[in-house]
Amino acid sequence: MFASIASRYDLLNHLLSGNIDRRWRRLVAKNLRVPLANSEAQILDVACGTGDLALTLKECGSARIIGIDFCRPMLAIAVTKASKANRTLSFVEGDALSLPFPDRSFEAATIAFGLRNLANFQAGIEELLRVLKPGGSLVVLEFSKPVVPVISSLFKFYFTKVLPRFGGWLSGSKSAYQYLPDSVTRFPDQNELAALMKAAGFENVKFSNLTGGVAALHVGTRPR
């Protein structure tokens, strides 16, 4: 499914979100100012897709950024984008539920709009904890449950009626853009995701709502 929409994935992301997804990604980088400023640090971006977040992280610091995704056509686009931007990043094809890295390898990890695509949310969070160094940070950016009634109603209408039709028309794959609202509906809300992170072993877990809860930013730390 992701391979079939790879060529139009970036265009549709920015168009269908009104470009607000760019601001959300910058907020992820803002939460990782300290490790990003360390040229010897390694930061892992899981489910990196076409590399938008990985590139944003690289633009905001000198740390080494590694992106991993299971979809090769998406990774091919990420590599091309990094080359055009003259940014040095590493991209790896791999499974988020079985990351090909040793324990305690990274100062920080991110996953943006990818956690809900995993077959097992809890296992994915536990795997992210495994590859973090003690004291390392995880930042999760994901669609969530709007907390403002008016926004909730508009969001539901847009996500279930407008987006599947418009996204399907532009991408040529209506099923891919029907999957998006379906996957968001099945995904844990803000408090439930925070609870999953705590259950996996993260501490200092907190979240902030973005755009009235359309998306949420969750942050947690691996215990020292």
C-alpha atoms as a PDB file:
ATOM      1  CA  MET A   1       0.000   0.000   0.000  1.00  0.00           C
ATOM      2  CA  PHE A   2       2.715   2.499   0.957  1.00  0.00           C
ATOM      3  CA  ALA A   3       4.784   1.556  -2.072  1.00  0.00           C
ATOM      4  CA  SER A   4       1.835   2.322  -4.347  1.00  0.00           C
ATOM      5  CA  ILE A   5       1.502   5.924  -3.068  1.00  0.00           C
ATOM      6  CA  ALA A   6       5.201   6.679  -2.482  1.00  0.00           C
ATOM      7  CA  SER A   7       5.588   9.007  -5.478  1.00  0.00           C
ATOM      8  CA  ARG A   8       2.779  11.309  -4.297  1.00  0.00           C
ATOM      9  CA  TYR A   9       3.140  10.776  -0.567  1.00  0.00           C
ATOM     10  CA  ASP A  10       4.897  14.086   0.221  1.00  0.00           C
ATOM     11  CA  LEU A  11       2.607  16.174  -1.972  1.00  0.00           C
ATOM     12  CA  LEU A  12      -0.488  14.725  -0.354  1.00  0.00           C
ATOM     13  CA  ASN A  13       0.886  15.005   3.186  1.00  0.00           C
ATOM     14  CA  HIS A  14       1.530  18.728   2.812  1.00  0.00           C
ATOM     15  CA  LEU A  15      -1.593  19.431   0.772  1.00  0.00           C
ATOM     16  CA  LEU A  16      -4.061  17.482   2.897  1.00  0.00           C
ATOM     17  CA  SER A  17      -2.651  18.878   6.164  1.00  0.00           C
ATOM     18  CA  GLY A  18      -2.396  22.471   4.926  1.00  0.00           C
ATOM     19  CA  ASN A  19       1.366  22.211   5.550  1.00  0.00           C
ATOM     20  CA  ILE A  20       0.798  22.062   9.300  1.00  0.00           C
ATOM     21  CA  ASP A  21       2.687  18.747   9.356  1.00  0.00           C
ATOM     22  CA  ARG A  22       5.914  20.725   8.810  1.00  0.00           C
ATOM     23  CA  ARG A  23       5.349  22.683  12.030  1.00  0.00           C
ATOM     24  CA  TRP A  24       4.566  19.494  13.927  1.00  0.00           C
ATOM     25  CA  ARG A  25       7.896  17.974  12.818  1.00  0.00           C
ATOM     26  CA  ARG A  26       9.797  21.060  13.926  1.00  0.00           C
ATOM     27  CA  LEU A  27       8.261  20.598  17.375  1.00  0.00           C
ATOM     28  CA  VAL A  28       9.736  17.090  17.477  1.00  0.00           C
ATOM     29  CA  ALA A  29      13.176  18.565  16.797  1.00  0.00           C
ATOM     30  CA  LYS A  30      12.603  21.237  19.446  1.00  0.00           C
ATOM     31  CA  ASN A  31      12.094  18.489  22.040  1.00  0.00           C
ATOM     32  CA  LEU A  32      15.482  16.983  21.106  1.00  0.00           C
ATOM     33  CA  ARG A  33      17.627  20.114  21.193  1.00  0.00           C
ATOM     34  CA  VAL A  34      20.242  18.625  23.518  1.00  0.00           C
ATOM     35  CA  PRO A  35      21.037  15.367  21.684  1.00  0.00           C
ATOM     36  CA  LEU A  36      20.744  17.089  18.296  1.00  0.00           C
ATOM     37  CA  ALA A  37      23.476  19.525  19.312  1.00  0.00           C
ATOM     38  CA  ASN A  38      25.867  16.658  20.132  1.00  0.00           C
ATOM     39  CA  SER A  39      27.909  15.715  17.053  1.00  0.00           C
ATOM     40  CA  GLU A  40      28.715  12.345  18.610  1.00  0.00           C
ATOM     41  CA  ALA A  41      25.097  11.436  19.324  1.00  0.00           C
ATOM     42  CA  GLN A  42      23.009   9.044  17.227  1.00  0.00           C
ATOM     43  CA  ILE A  43      19.281   9.591  16.738  1.00  0.00           C
ATOM     44  CA  LEU A  44      17.006   6.976  15.183  1.00  0.00           C
ATOM     45  CA  ASP A  45      13.913   7.933  13.186  1.00  0.00           C
ATOM     46  CA  VAL A  46      11.676   4.866  12.961  1.00  0.00           C
ATOM     47  CA  ALA A  47       9.108   4.504  10.161  1.00  0.00           C
ATOM     48  CA  CYS A  48      10.921   7.377   8.477  1.00  0.00           C
ATOM     49  CA  GLY A  49       9.039   7.053   5.191  1.00  0.00           C
ATOM     50  CA  THR A  50      10.277   9.578   2.656  1.00  0.00           C
ATOM     51  CA  GLY A  51      12.584  11.177   5.219  1.00  0.00           C
ATOM     52  CA  ASP A  52      10.795  14.413   6.113  1.00  0.00           C
ATOM     53  CA  LEU A  53      11.369  14.139   9.860  1.00  0.00           C
ATOM     54  CA  ALA A  54      14.902  12.763   9.475  1.00  0.00           C
ATOM     55  CA  LEU A  55      15.791  15.764   7.296  1.00  0.00           C
ATOM     56  CA  THR A  56      14.207  18.176   9.777  1.00  0.00           C
ATOM     57  CA  LEU A  57      16.261  16.653  12.597  1.00  0.00           C
ATOM     58  CA  LYS A  58      19.447  16.953  10.545  1.00  0.00           C
ATOM     59  CA  GLU A  59      18.730  20.585   9.745  1.00  0.00           C
ATOM     60  CA  CYS A  60      18.422  21.329  13.477  1.00  0.00           C
ATOM     61  CA  GLY A  61      21.718  19.893  14.707  1.00  0.00           C
ATOM     62  CA  SER A  62      24.945  18.002  14.152  1.00  0.00           C
ATOM     63  CA  ALA A  63      23.965  14.577  15.538  1.00  0.00           C
ATOM     64  CA  ARG A  64      24.047  11.543  13.248  1.00  0.00           C
ATOM     65  CA  ILE A  65      20.547  10.751  12.010  1.00  0.00           C
ATOM     66  CA  ILE A  66      19.551   7.237  10.955  1.00  0.00           C
ATOM     67  CA  GLY A  67      16.163   6.597   9.362  1.00  0.00           C
ATOM     68  CA  ILE A  68      14.604   3.146   9.120  1.00  0.00           C
ATOM     69  CA  ASP A  69      11.532   1.999   7.208  1.00  0.00           C
ATOM     70  CA  PHE A  70      10.221  -1.262   5.769  1.00  0.00           C
ATOM     71  CA  CYS A  71       9.077   0.291   2.454  1.00  0.00           C
ATOM     72  CA  ARG A  72      11.911   0.457  -0.080  1.00  0.00           C
ATOM     73  CA  PRO A  73      10.229   2.885  -2.527  1.00  0.00           C
ATOM     74  CA  MET A  74       9.744   5.335   0.347  1.00  0.00           C
ATOM     75  CA  LEU A  75      13.403   4.980   1.343  1.00  0.00           C
ATOM     76  CA  ALA A  76      14.535   5.561  -2.238  1.00  0.00           C
ATOM     77  CA  ILE A  77      12.734   8.917  -2.183  1.00  0.00           C
ATOM     78  CA  ALA A  78      14.289   9.743   1.205  1.00  0.00           C
ATOM     79  CA  VAL A  79      17.777   9.096  -0.160  1.00  0.00           C
ATOM     80  CA  THR A  80      17.119  11.331  -3.177  1.00  0.00           C
ATOM     81  CA  LYS A  81      15.765  14.137  -0.984  1.00  0.00           C
ATOM     82  CA  ALA A  82      18.774  13.985   1.343  1.00  0.00           C
ATOM     83  CA  SER A  83      21.135  14.131  -1.620  1.00  0.00           C
ATOM     84  CA  LYS A  84      19.348  17.136  -3.140  1.00  0.00           C
ATOM     85  CA  ALA A  85      19.432  18.908   0.237  1.00  0.00           C
ATOM     86  CA  ASN A  86      23.143  18.082   0.566  1.00  0.00           C
ATOM     87  CA  ARG A  87      22.511  16.424   3.923  1.00  0.00           C
ATOM     88  CA  THR A  88      24.358  13.361   5.160  1.00  0.00           C
ATOM     89  CA  LEU A  89      21.914  10.847   6.606  1.00  0.00           C
ATOM     90  CA  SER A  90      21.812   7.070   6.801  1.00  0.00           C
ATOM     91  CA  PHE A  91      18.753   5.094   5.712  1.00  0.00           C
ATOM     92  CA  VAL A  92      18.122   1.446   6.535  1.00  0.00           C
ATOM     93  CA  GLU A  93      15.437  -0.949   5.314  1.00  0.00           C
ATOM     94  CA  GLY A  94      14.073  -2.789   8.321  1.00  0.00           C
ATOM     95  CA  ASP A  95      11.215  -3.730  10.625  1.00  0.00           C
ATOM     96  CA  ALA A  96      10.198  -1.431  13.484  1.00  0.00           C
ATOM     97  CA  LEU A  97       9.233  -4.488  15.534  1.00  0.00           C
ATOM     98  CA  SER A  98      12.695  -6.008  15.151  1.00  0.00           C
ATOM     99  CA  LEU A  99      15.149  -3.141  14.840  1.00  0.00           C
ATOM    100  CA  PRO A 100      18.549  -4.250  13.462  1.00  0.00           C
ATOM    101  CA  PHE A 101      20.524  -2.384  16.121  1.00  0.00           C
ATOM    102  CA  PRO A 102      22.156  -3.443  19.403  1.00  0.00           C
ATOM    103  CA  ASP A 103      20.694  -2.578  22.784  1.00  0.00           C
ATOM    104  CA  ARG A 104      21.410   0.940  24.036  1.00  0.00           C
ATOM    105  CA  SER A 105      22.599   2.331  20.697  1.00  0.00           C
ATOM    106  CA  PHE A 106      20.888   5.743  20.488  1.00  0.00           C
ATOM    107  CA  GLU A 107      20.697   8.950  22.473  1.00  0.00           C
ATOM    108  CA  ALA A 108      17.173   9.546  21.142  1.00  0.00           C
ATOM    109  CA  ALA A 109      14.520   8.022  18.899  1.00  0.00           C
ATOM    110  CA  THR A 110      11.519   9.371  17.044  1.00  0.00           C
ATOM    111  CA  ILE A 111       8.514   7.914  15.263  1.00  0.00           C
ATOM    112  CA  ALA A 112       6.111  10.190  13.396  1.00  0.00           C
ATOM    113  CA  PHE A 113       2.798   8.943  12.030  1.00  0.00           C
ATOM    114  CA  GLY A 114       4.167   5.413  12.035  1.00  0.00           C
ATOM    115  CA  LEU A 115       3.343   3.848  15.391  1.00  0.00           C
ATOM    116  CA  ARG A 116      -0.303   3.313  14.469  1.00  0.00           C
ATOM    117  CA  ASN A 117       0.817   1.265  11.429  1.00  0.00           C
ATOM    118  CA  LEU A 118       2.576  -1.366  13.546  1.00  0.00           C
ATOM    119  CA  ALA A 119       0.910  -4.728  14.112  1.00  0.00           C
ATOM    120  CA  ASN A 120       1.580  -4.362  17.851  1.00  0.00           C
ATOM    121  CA  PHE A 121       1.833  -0.888  19.401  1.00  0.00           C
ATOM    122  CA  GLN A 122       3.197  -2.114  22.729  1.00  0.00           C
ATOM    123  CA  ALA A 123       5.872  -4.278  21.108  1.00  0.00           C
ATOM    124  CA  GLY A 124       6.939  -1.337  18.970  1.00  0.00           C
ATOM    125  CA  ILE A 125       7.321   0.914  22.001  1.00  0.00           C
ATOM    126  CA  GLU A 126       9.281  -1.771  23.863  1.00  0.00           C
ATOM    127  CA  GLU A 127      11.602  -2.153  20.882  1.00  0.00           C
ATOM    128  CA  LEU A 128      12.227   1.590  20.859  1.00  0.00           C
ATOM    129  CA  LEU A 129      13.074   1.434  24.568  1.00  0.00           C
ATOM    130  CA  ARG A 130      15.533  -1.396  23.903  1.00  0.00           C
ATOM    131  CA  VAL A 131      17.682   0.574  21.453  1.00  0.00           C
ATOM    132  CA  LEU A 132      17.798   3.735  23.575  1.00  0.00           C
ATOM    133  CA  LYS A 133      20.700   4.454  25.892  1.00  0.00           C
ATOM    134  CA  PRO A 134      19.843   5.038  29.563  1.00  0.00           C
ATOM    135  CA  GLY A 135      18.529   8.577  29.800  1.00  0.00           C
ATOM    136  CA  GLY A 136      17.669   8.570  26.095  1.00  0.00           C
ATOM    137  CA  SER A 137      14.472  10.234  24.877  1.00  0.00           C
ATOM    138  CA  LEU A 138      11.643   8.945  22.716  1.00  0.00           C
ATOM    139  CA  VAL A 139       9.387  11.400  20.881  1.00  0.00           C
ATOM    140  CA  VAL A 140       6.189  10.084  19.292  1.00  0.00           C
ATOM    141  CA  LEU A 141       4.212  12.273  16.886  1.00  0.00           C
ATOM    142  CA  GLU A 142       0.884  10.730  15.952  1.00  0.00           C
ATOM    143  CA  PHE A 143      -2.689  11.555  15.055  1.00  0.00           C
ATOM    144  CA  SER A 144      -4.873  11.519  18.150  1.00  0.00           C
ATOM    145  CA  LYS A 145      -8.318  12.385  19.471  1.00  0.00           C
ATOM    146  CA  PRO A 146      -9.365  16.067  19.225  1.00  0.00           C
ATOM    147  CA  VAL A 147     -10.243  17.551  22.606  1.00  0.00           C
ATOM    148  CA  VAL A 148     -12.182  20.564  21.314  1.00  0.00           C
ATOM    149  CA  PRO A 149     -15.775  19.626  20.322  1.00  0.00           C
ATOM    150  CA  VAL A 150     -15.918  21.863  17.223  1.00  0.00           C
ATOM    151  CA  ILE A 151     -12.531  20.649  15.984  1.00  0.00           C
ATOM    152  CA  SER A 152     -13.551  17.062  16.719  1.00  0.00           C
ATOM    153  CA  SER A 153     -16.639  17.333  14.522  1.00  0.00           C
ATOM    154  CA  LEU A 154     -14.776  19.025  11.671  1.00  0.00           C
ATOM    155  CA  PHE A 155     -11.891  16.583  11.934  1.00  0.00           C
ATOM    156  CA  LYS A 156     -14.219  13.569  11.819  1.00  0.00           C
ATOM    157  CA  PHE A 157     -16.022  14.909   8.730  1.00  0.00           C
ATOM    158  CA  TYR A 158     -12.788  15.790   6.940  1.00  0.00           C
ATOM    159  CA  PHE A 159     -11.046  12.528   7.820  1.00  0.00           C
ATOM    160  CA  THR A 160     -13.923  10.203   6.971  1.00  0.00           C
ATOM    161  CA  LYS A 161     -15.594  12.019   4.041  1.00  0.00           C
ATOM    162  CA  VAL A 162     -13.202  14.443   2.339  1.00  0.00           C
ATOM    163  CA  LEU A 163      -9.741  12.949   2.768  1.00  0.00           C
ATOM    164  CA  PRO A 164     -10.426   9.425   1.417  1.00  0.00           C
ATOM    165  CA  ARG A 165     -12.022  10.802  -1.750  1.00  0.00           C
ATOM    166  CA  PHE A 166      -9.544  13.605  -2.406  1.00  0.00           C
ATOM    167  CA  GLY A 167      -6.497  11.578  -1.379  1.00  0.00           C
ATOM    168  CA  GLY A 168      -7.671   8.597  -3.384  1.00  0.00           C
ATOM    169  CA  TRP A 169      -8.267  10.739  -6.465  1.00  0.00           C
ATOM    170  CA  LEU A 170      -4.815  12.357  -6.337  1.00  0.00           C
ATOM    171  CA  SER A 171      -2.884   9.224  -5.419  1.00  0.00           C
ATOM    172  CA  GLY A 172      -4.825   6.706  -7.464  1.00  0.00           C
ATOM    173  CA  SER A 173      -5.329   4.560  -4.349  1.00  0.00           C
ATOM    174  CA  LYS A 174      -8.579   5.221  -2.512  1.00  0.00           C
ATOM    175  CA  SER A 175      -7.939   2.256  -0.204  1.00  0.00           C
ATOM    176  CA  ALA A 176      -4.728   3.841   1.111  1.00  0.00           C
ATOM    177  CA  TYR A 177      -6.567   6.981   2.154  1.00  0.00           C
ATOM    178  CA  GLN A 178      -9.466   5.024   3.576  1.00  0.00           C
ATOM    179  CA  TYR A 179      -6.898   3.158   5.676  1.00  0.00           C
ATOM    180  CA  LEU A 180      -5.704   6.440   7.228  1.00  0.00           C
ATOM    181  CA  PRO A 181      -8.925   7.343   9.111  1.00  0.00           C
ATOM    182  CA  ASP A 182      -9.494   3.680   9.953  1.00  0.00           C
ATOM    183  CA  SER A 183      -6.019   3.398  11.514  1.00  0.00           C
ATOM    184  CA  VAL A 184      -6.468   6.625  13.488  1.00  0.00           C
ATOM    185  CA  THR A 185      -9.810   5.399  14.848  1.00  0.00           C
ATOM    186  CA  ARG A 186      -8.174   2.191  16.135  1.00  0.00           C
ATOM    187  CA  PHE A 187      -5.188   3.982  17.677  1.00  0.00           C
ATOM    188  CA  PRO A 188      -5.030   4.692  21.441  1.00  0.00           C
ATOM    189  CA  ASP A 189      -5.930   8.205  22.561  1.00  0.00           C
ATOM    190  CA  GLN A 190      -3.504  10.545  24.325  1.00  0.00           C
ATOM    191  CA  ASN A 191      -3.830   9.067  27.805  1.00  0.00           C
ATOM    192  CA  GLU A 192      -3.882   5.468  26.566  1.00  0.00           C
ATOM    193  CA  LEU A 193      -0.662   5.973  24.583  1.00  0.00           C
ATOM    194  CA  ALA A 194       1.005   7.568  27.599  1.00  0.00           C
ATOM    195  CA  ALA A 195      -0.023   4.518  29.637  1.00  0.00           C
ATOM    196  CA  LEU A 196       1.464   2.170  27.026  1.00  0.00           C
ATOM    197  CA  MET A 197       4.775   4.048  27.168  1.00  0.00           C
ATOM    198  CA  LYS A 198       4.852   3.821  30.964  1.00  0.00           C
ATOM    199  CA  ALA A 199       4.003   0.116  30.831  1.00  0.00           C
ATOM    200  CA  ALA A 200       6.910  -0.426  28.420  1.00  0.00           C
ATOM    201  CA  GLY A 201       9.295   1.105  30.952  1.00  0.00           C
ATOM    202  CA  PHE A 202       9.519   4.766  29.992  1.00  0.00           C
ATOM    203  CA  GLU A 203       9.549   7.391  32.705  1.00  0.00           C
ATOM    204  CA  ASN A 204       8.761  11.115  32.752  1.00  0.00           C
ATOM    205  CA  VAL A 205       6.094  10.466  30.129  1.00  0.00           C
ATOM    206  CA  LYS A 206       4.146  13.527  29.066  1.00  0.00           C
ATOM    207  CA  PHE A 207       2.186  14.671  26.062  1.00  0.00           C
ATOM    208  CA  SER A 208       0.986  17.871  24.447  1.00  0.00           C
ATOM    209  CA  ASN A 209      -1.952  18.273  22.110  1.00  0.00           C
ATOM    210  CA  LEU A 210      -1.330  19.841  18.714  1.00  0.00           C
ATOM    211  CA  THR A 211      -4.034  21.696  16.805  1.00  0.00           C
ATOM    212  CA  GLY A 212      -6.674  20.934  19.400  1.00  0.00           C
ATOM    213  CA  GLY A 213      -5.691  17.278  19.685  1.00  0.00           C
ATOM    214  CA  VAL A 214      -5.769  16.431  15.975  1.00  0.00           C
ATOM    215  CA  ALA A 215      -2.250  15.204  16.693  1.00  0.00           C
ATOM    216  CA  ALA A 216      -0.304  14.715  19.915  1.00  0.00           C
ATOM    217  CA  LEU A 217       3.356  14.783  20.844  1.00  0.00           C
ATOM    218  CA  HIS A 218       4.376  12.191  23.451  1.00  0.00           C
ATOM    219  CA  VAL A 219       7.787  12.274  25.129  1.00  0.00           C
ATOM    220  CA  GLY A 220       9.359   9.695  27.439  1.00  0.00           C
ATOM    221  CA  THR A 221      12.783   8.803  28.818  1.00  0.00           C
ATOM    222  CA  ARG A 222      14.527   5.489  29.303  1.00  0.00           C
ATOM    223  CA  PRO A 223      15.487   5.167  32.990  1.00  0.00           C
ATOM    224  CA  ARG A 224      19.161   5.609  33.802  1.00  0.00           C
END
